[in-house]
Amino acid sequence: MFRIVICDEKKESSDFLTGCINRIIKGLSVNKETEFFRVKPEILIDYKIRDEYTYLFFLDVIYSNTTGIDIARKIREQRKRAFIVFVTAHVELLYMLVNQNIMPSGFISKPQMKMI
């Protein structure tokens, strides 16, 4: 089973990203057991990753009480092979991610997300 976890404090960004991902999945032959979860950063920091799932996390870089970098570190402690994509309007901060040994799978700029 595939779990897609979207963590964004702004509902409109989360809704938009969910819609984009759904459109992409419909065009692919992806396992029908794909699950979406929208979670708040404070919940995700203590999230328990289960072995039977493949995870794809979409994280913002900055939240009001933590950072996506902190959350990504917690994810990496539990699952080295989880997919992590950072989605942010703060593209100037992306250089920090490269130096954190988080090994993200990708980056999406929120302004460019509107073109998807």
N, C-alpha and C. Protein backbone atom coordinates (compact mmCIF):
# COMPACT_ATOMS: atom_id res chain seq x y z
N MET A 1 0.85 -1.18 0.00
CA MET A 1 0.00 0.00 0.00
C MET A 1 0.89 1.23 0.00
N PHE A 2 0.41 2.28 -0.59
CA PHE A 2 1.13 3.54 -0.73
C PHE A 2 0.42 4.60 0.09
N ARG A 3 1.15 5.29 0.95
CA ARG A 3 0.56 6.37 1.75
C ARG A 3 1.20 7.68 1.35
N ILE A 4 0.35 8.63 1.02
CA ILE A 4 0.80 9.98 0.68
C ILE A 4 0.41 10.88 1.84
N VAL A 5 1.41 11.53 2.45
CA VAL A 5 1.19 12.37 3.62
C VAL A 5 1.50 13.81 3.23
N ILE A 6 0.50 14.68 3.34
CA ILE A 6 0.66 16.09 3.00
C ILE A 6 0.59 16.90 4.28
N CYS A 7 1.64 17.67 4.53
CA CYS A 7 1.71 18.46 5.75
C CYS A 7 1.92 19.92 5.37
N ASP A 8 0.84 20.68 5.39
CA ASP A 8 0.89 22.11 5.08
C ASP A 8 -0.12 22.81 5.97
N GLU A 9 0.30 23.89 6.60
CA GLU A 9 -0.60 24.60 7.51
C GLU A 9 -1.69 25.37 6.77
N LYS A 10 -1.48 25.63 5.49
CA LYS A 10 -2.47 26.37 4.71
C LYS A 10 -3.36 25.39 3.96
N LYS A 11 -4.63 25.39 4.30
CA LYS A 11 -5.58 24.44 3.71
C LYS A 11 -5.63 24.56 2.19
N GLU A 12 -5.58 25.79 1.67
CA GLU A 12 -5.67 25.95 0.21
C GLU A 12 -4.48 25.31 -0.50
N SER A 13 -3.30 25.39 0.09
CA SER A 13 -2.12 24.73 -0.51
C SER A 13 -2.26 23.22 -0.44
N SER A 14 -2.72 22.72 0.69
CA SER A 14 -2.92 21.29 0.87
C SER A 14 -3.97 20.76 -0.11
N ASP A 15 -5.08 21.47 -0.24
CA ASP A 15 -6.14 21.06 -1.17
C ASP A 15 -5.65 21.07 -2.61
N PHE A 16 -4.90 22.10 -2.98
CA PHE A 16 -4.40 22.21 -4.34
C PHE A 16 -3.44 21.06 -4.66
N LEU A 17 -2.52 20.79 -3.73
CA LEU A 17 -1.55 19.71 -3.94
C LEU A 17 -2.25 18.36 -4.01
N THR A 18 -3.23 18.13 -3.16
CA THR A 18 -3.99 16.88 -3.19
C THR A 18 -4.67 16.70 -4.55
N GLY A 19 -5.27 17.77 -5.07
CA GLY A 19 -5.92 17.70 -6.38
C GLY A 19 -4.92 17.38 -7.49
N CYS A 20 -3.76 18.01 -7.46
CA CYS A 20 -2.72 17.75 -8.47
C CYS A 20 -2.27 16.29 -8.43
N ILE A 21 -2.02 15.80 -7.23
CA ILE A 21 -1.57 14.42 -7.08
C ILE A 21 -2.63 13.44 -7.54
N ASN A 22 -3.88 13.71 -7.21
CA ASN A 22 -4.98 12.84 -7.68
C ASN A 22 -5.05 12.79 -9.19
N ARG A 23 -4.89 13.93 -9.85
CA ARG A 23 -4.92 13.95 -11.32
C ARG A 23 -3.76 13.14 -11.90
N ILE A 24 -2.59 13.24 -11.29
CA ILE A 24 -1.44 12.48 -11.77
C ILE A 24 -1.65 10.99 -11.57
N ILE A 25 -2.16 10.60 -10.41
CA ILE A 25 -2.38 9.18 -10.10
C ILE A 25 -3.40 8.58 -11.05
N LYS A 26 -4.44 9.33 -11.41
CA LYS A 26 -5.46 8.82 -12.33
C LYS A 26 -4.85 8.48 -13.68
N GLY A 27 -3.80 9.20 -14.08
CA GLY A 27 -3.15 8.94 -15.36
C GLY A 27 -2.14 7.81 -15.32
N LEU A 28 -1.85 7.29 -14.15
CA LEU A 28 -0.88 6.22 -13.98
C LEU A 28 -1.57 4.95 -13.52
N SER A 29 -0.91 3.84 -13.70
CA SER A 29 -1.47 2.59 -13.17
C SER A 29 -0.86 2.37 -11.79
N VAL A 30 -1.43 3.08 -10.80
CA VAL A 30 -0.93 3.02 -9.43
C VAL A 30 -1.86 2.14 -8.61
N ASN A 31 -1.29 1.45 -7.67
CA ASN A 31 -2.05 0.61 -6.75
C ASN A 31 -3.28 1.38 -6.25
N LYS A 32 -4.44 0.79 -6.34
CA LYS A 32 -5.68 1.44 -5.92
C LYS A 32 -5.73 1.68 -4.41
N GLU A 33 -4.80 1.10 -3.68
CA GLU A 33 -4.80 1.26 -2.23
C GLU A 33 -3.95 2.45 -1.79
N THR A 34 -3.93 3.49 -2.60
CA THR A 34 -3.23 4.71 -2.23
C THR A 34 -4.08 5.48 -1.23
N GLU A 35 -3.48 5.90 -0.12
CA GLU A 35 -4.19 6.65 0.91
C GLU A 35 -3.57 8.03 1.05
N PHE A 36 -4.43 9.03 1.24
CA PHE A 36 -3.98 10.39 1.48
C PHE A 36 -4.20 10.74 2.94
N PHE A 37 -3.24 11.41 3.53
CA PHE A 37 -3.38 11.92 4.89
C PHE A 37 -2.94 13.37 4.88
N ARG A 38 -3.77 14.21 5.44
CA ARG A 38 -3.39 15.61 5.65
C ARG A 38 -3.21 15.78 7.14
N VAL A 39 -2.02 16.14 7.54
CA VAL A 39 -1.73 16.24 8.97
C VAL A 39 -1.09 17.58 9.30
N LYS A 40 -1.23 17.95 10.55
CA LYS A 40 -0.58 19.16 11.06
C LYS A 40 0.85 18.81 11.46
N PRO A 41 1.75 19.78 11.39
CA PRO A 41 3.16 19.49 11.71
C PRO A 41 3.38 18.89 13.09
N GLU A 42 2.64 19.36 14.08
CA GLU A 42 2.85 18.84 15.44
C GLU A 42 2.43 17.38 15.58
N ILE A 43 1.54 16.93 14.73
CA ILE A 43 1.14 15.52 14.73
C ILE A 43 2.19 14.69 13.99
N LEU A 44 2.67 15.23 12.87
CA LEU A 44 3.62 14.48 12.05
C LEU A 44 4.95 14.27 12.75
N ILE A 45 5.35 15.16 13.62
CA ILE A 45 6.63 15.03 14.32
C ILE A 45 6.66 13.75 15.17
N ASP A 46 5.49 13.28 15.63
CA ASP A 46 5.40 12.05 16.42
C ASP A 46 4.78 10.89 15.65
N TYR A 47 4.62 11.04 14.35
CA TYR A 47 3.98 10.04 13.50
C TYR A 47 4.79 8.75 13.48
N LYS A 48 4.13 7.64 13.64
CA LYS A 48 4.79 6.33 13.61
C LYS A 48 4.64 5.73 12.21
N ILE A 49 5.77 5.52 11.56
CA ILE A 49 5.77 4.97 10.21
C ILE A 49 5.69 3.45 10.31
N ARG A 50 4.77 2.88 9.57
CA ARG A 50 4.57 1.43 9.60
C ARG A 50 5.32 0.78 8.44
N ASP A 51 5.90 -0.37 8.70
CA ASP A 51 6.75 -1.04 7.71
C ASP A 51 6.03 -1.51 6.46
N GLU A 52 4.75 -1.80 6.56
CA GLU A 52 4.06 -2.39 5.42
C GLU A 52 3.66 -1.38 4.35
N TYR A 53 3.95 -0.13 4.55
CA TYR A 53 3.57 0.91 3.60
C TYR A 53 4.80 1.56 2.97
N THR A 54 4.62 2.05 1.75
CA THR A 54 5.59 2.93 1.11
C THR A 54 5.06 4.34 1.31
N TYR A 55 5.91 5.25 1.78
CA TYR A 55 5.48 6.60 2.13
C TYR A 55 6.05 7.65 1.18
N LEU A 56 5.20 8.63 0.88
CA LEU A 56 5.60 9.83 0.16
C LEU A 56 5.12 11.01 0.98
N PHE A 57 6.06 11.78 1.52
CA PHE A 57 5.74 12.93 2.36
C PHE A 57 5.94 14.22 1.57
N PHE A 58 4.96 15.11 1.65
CA PHE A 58 5.08 16.46 1.10
C PHE A 58 5.13 17.41 2.30
N LEU A 59 6.28 18.07 2.48
CA LEU A 59 6.49 18.92 3.64
C LEU A 59 6.81 20.35 3.21
N ASP A 60 6.31 21.30 3.97
CA ASP A 60 6.74 22.69 3.79
C ASP A 60 8.08 22.84 4.50
N VAL A 61 8.81 23.89 4.22
CA VAL A 61 10.09 24.11 4.87
C VAL A 61 9.90 24.78 6.23
N ILE A 62 8.92 25.69 6.32
CA ILE A 62 8.71 26.45 7.55
C ILE A 62 7.26 26.28 8.02
N TYR A 63 7.12 25.98 9.31
CA TYR A 63 5.82 25.94 9.98
C TYR A 63 5.87 26.91 11.15
N SER A 64 4.74 27.15 11.77
CA SER A 64 4.71 28.13 12.86
C SER A 64 5.48 27.65 14.10
N ASN A 65 5.50 26.33 14.38
CA ASN A 65 6.15 25.83 15.59
C ASN A 65 7.36 24.93 15.35
N THR A 66 7.67 24.61 14.11
CA THR A 66 8.78 23.71 13.79
C THR A 66 9.21 23.96 12.35
N THR A 67 10.11 23.14 11.86
CA THR A 67 10.52 23.25 10.46
C THR A 67 10.33 21.91 9.76
N GLY A 68 10.23 21.96 8.46
CA GLY A 68 10.16 20.73 7.68
C GLY A 68 11.44 19.92 7.80
N ILE A 69 12.54 20.61 8.04
CA ILE A 69 13.82 19.92 8.23
C ILE A 69 13.76 19.04 9.49
N ASP A 70 13.22 19.57 10.58
CA ASP A 70 13.08 18.79 11.82
C ASP A 70 12.18 17.57 11.60
N ILE A 71 11.07 17.79 10.89
CA ILE A 71 10.16 16.68 10.62
C ILE A 71 10.84 15.64 9.73
N ALA A 72 11.55 16.09 8.71
CA ALA A 72 12.24 15.17 7.80
C ALA A 72 13.29 14.34 8.55
N ARG A 73 13.98 14.95 9.50
CA ARG A 73 14.94 14.19 10.32
C ARG A 73 14.26 13.07 11.09
N LYS A 74 13.09 13.39 11.68
CA LYS A 74 12.34 12.37 12.42
C LYS A 74 11.89 11.24 11.49
N ILE A 75 11.46 11.62 10.29
CA ILE A 75 11.05 10.60 9.31
C ILE A 75 12.24 9.71 8.97
N ARG A 76 13.39 10.31 8.71
CA ARG A 76 14.60 9.55 8.35
C ARG A 76 15.07 8.63 9.49
N GLU A 77 14.82 9.00 10.74
CA GLU A 77 15.17 8.13 11.86
C GLU A 77 14.37 6.83 11.79
N GLN A 78 13.13 6.92 11.32
CA GLN A 78 12.26 5.75 11.26
C GLN A 78 12.37 5.00 9.94
N ARG A 79 12.53 5.73 8.86
CA ARG A 79 12.49 5.11 7.53
C ARG A 79 13.47 5.80 6.61
N LYS A 80 14.59 5.17 6.36
CA LYS A 80 15.62 5.76 5.50
C LYS A 80 15.15 5.91 4.06
N ARG A 81 14.22 5.04 3.63
CA ARG A 81 13.84 5.03 2.22
C ARG A 81 12.50 5.69 1.94
N ALA A 82 11.97 6.44 2.87
CA ALA A 82 10.74 7.19 2.61
C ALA A 82 11.05 8.28 1.59
N PHE A 83 10.06 8.63 0.80
CA PHE A 83 10.21 9.70 -0.17
C PHE A 83 9.76 11.01 0.48
N ILE A 84 10.60 12.03 0.41
CA ILE A 84 10.28 13.33 0.99
C ILE A 84 10.42 14.39 -0.08
N VAL A 85 9.34 15.15 -0.29
CA VAL A 85 9.35 16.27 -1.24
C VAL A 85 9.02 17.52 -0.46
N PHE A 86 9.85 18.53 -0.59
CA PHE A 86 9.61 19.81 0.07
C PHE A 86 8.83 20.71 -0.87
N VAL A 87 7.74 21.28 -0.35
CA VAL A 87 6.88 22.20 -1.10
C VAL A 87 6.90 23.52 -0.35
N THR A 88 7.41 24.57 -0.98
CA THR A 88 7.57 25.82 -0.23
C THR A 88 7.53 27.04 -1.13
N ALA A 89 7.14 28.14 -0.54
CA ALA A 89 7.22 29.44 -1.22
C ALA A 89 8.57 30.08 -0.94
N HIS A 90 9.34 29.49 -0.04
CA HIS A 90 10.64 30.04 0.36
C HIS A 90 11.77 29.31 -0.37
N VAL A 91 11.84 29.49 -1.68
CA VAL A 91 12.86 28.80 -2.46
C VAL A 91 14.27 29.20 -2.06
N GLU A 92 14.41 30.36 -1.45
CA GLU A 92 15.74 30.80 -1.01
C GLU A 92 16.28 29.93 0.12
N LEU A 93 15.42 29.14 0.76
CA LEU A 93 15.86 28.27 1.85
C LEU A 93 16.20 26.85 1.40
N LEU A 94 15.99 26.56 0.14
CA LEU A 94 16.22 25.20 -0.34
C LEU A 94 17.68 24.77 -0.23
N TYR A 95 18.60 25.72 -0.33
CA TYR A 95 20.01 25.37 -0.20
C TYR A 95 20.30 24.73 1.16
N MET A 96 19.57 25.13 2.20
CA MET A 96 19.75 24.55 3.53
C MET A 96 19.46 23.05 3.53
N LEU A 97 18.48 22.65 2.75
CA LEU A 97 18.06 21.25 2.75
C LEU A 97 19.12 20.34 2.18
N VAL A 98 19.87 20.84 1.23
CA VAL A 98 20.90 20.03 0.60
C VAL A 98 21.99 19.69 1.60
N ASN A 99 22.25 20.57 2.54
CA ASN A 99 23.33 20.38 3.51
C ASN A 99 22.89 19.68 4.79
N GLN A 100 21.69 19.16 4.86
CA GLN A 100 21.17 18.58 6.10
C GLN A 100 21.18 17.05 6.13
N ASN A 101 21.70 16.41 5.10
CA ASN A 101 21.71 14.94 5.01
C ASN A 101 20.32 14.33 5.11
N ILE A 102 19.34 15.05 4.61
CA ILE A 102 17.96 14.55 4.62
C ILE A 102 17.66 13.75 3.36
N MET A 103 18.36 14.05 2.30
CA MET A 103 18.19 13.39 1.00
C MET A 103 16.74 13.47 0.49
N PRO A 104 16.24 14.68 0.26
CA PRO A 104 14.88 14.78 -0.27
C PRO A 104 14.78 14.21 -1.68
N SER A 105 13.59 13.74 -2.00
CA SER A 105 13.34 13.20 -3.33
C SER A 105 13.06 14.30 -4.33
N GLY A 106 12.70 15.50 -3.84
CA GLY A 106 12.42 16.59 -4.75
C GLY A 106 11.98 17.85 -4.04
N PHE A 107 11.76 18.87 -4.85
CA PHE A 107 11.33 20.18 -4.37
C PHE A 107 10.26 20.70 -5.30
N ILE A 108 9.25 21.37 -4.74
CA ILE A 108 8.23 22.04 -5.53
C ILE A 108 8.09 23.45 -4.99
N SER A 109 8.18 24.43 -5.88
CA SER A 109 7.98 25.82 -5.51
C SER A 109 6.47 26.11 -5.53
N LYS A 110 5.94 26.65 -4.45
CA LYS A 110 4.51 26.93 -4.41
C LYS A 110 4.06 27.87 -5.53
N PRO A 111 4.81 28.92 -5.86
CA PRO A 111 4.38 29.75 -7.00
C PRO A 111 4.31 28.95 -8.30
N GLN A 112 5.21 28.01 -8.51
CA GLN A 112 5.18 27.19 -9.71
C GLN A 112 4.11 26.12 -9.64
N MET A 113 3.66 25.77 -8.45
CA MET A 113 2.64 24.75 -8.28
C MET A 113 1.37 25.14 -9.01
N LYS A 114 1.10 26.42 -9.12
CA LYS A 114 -0.12 26.89 -9.79
C LYS A 114 -0.14 26.50 -11.27
N MET A 115 1.05 26.20 -11.82
CA MET A 115 1.14 25.85 -13.23
C MET A 115 0.92 24.36 -13.48
N ILE A 116 0.84 23.57 -12.41
CA ILE A 116 0.66 22.12 -12.56
C ILE A 116 -0.76 21.81 -13.01
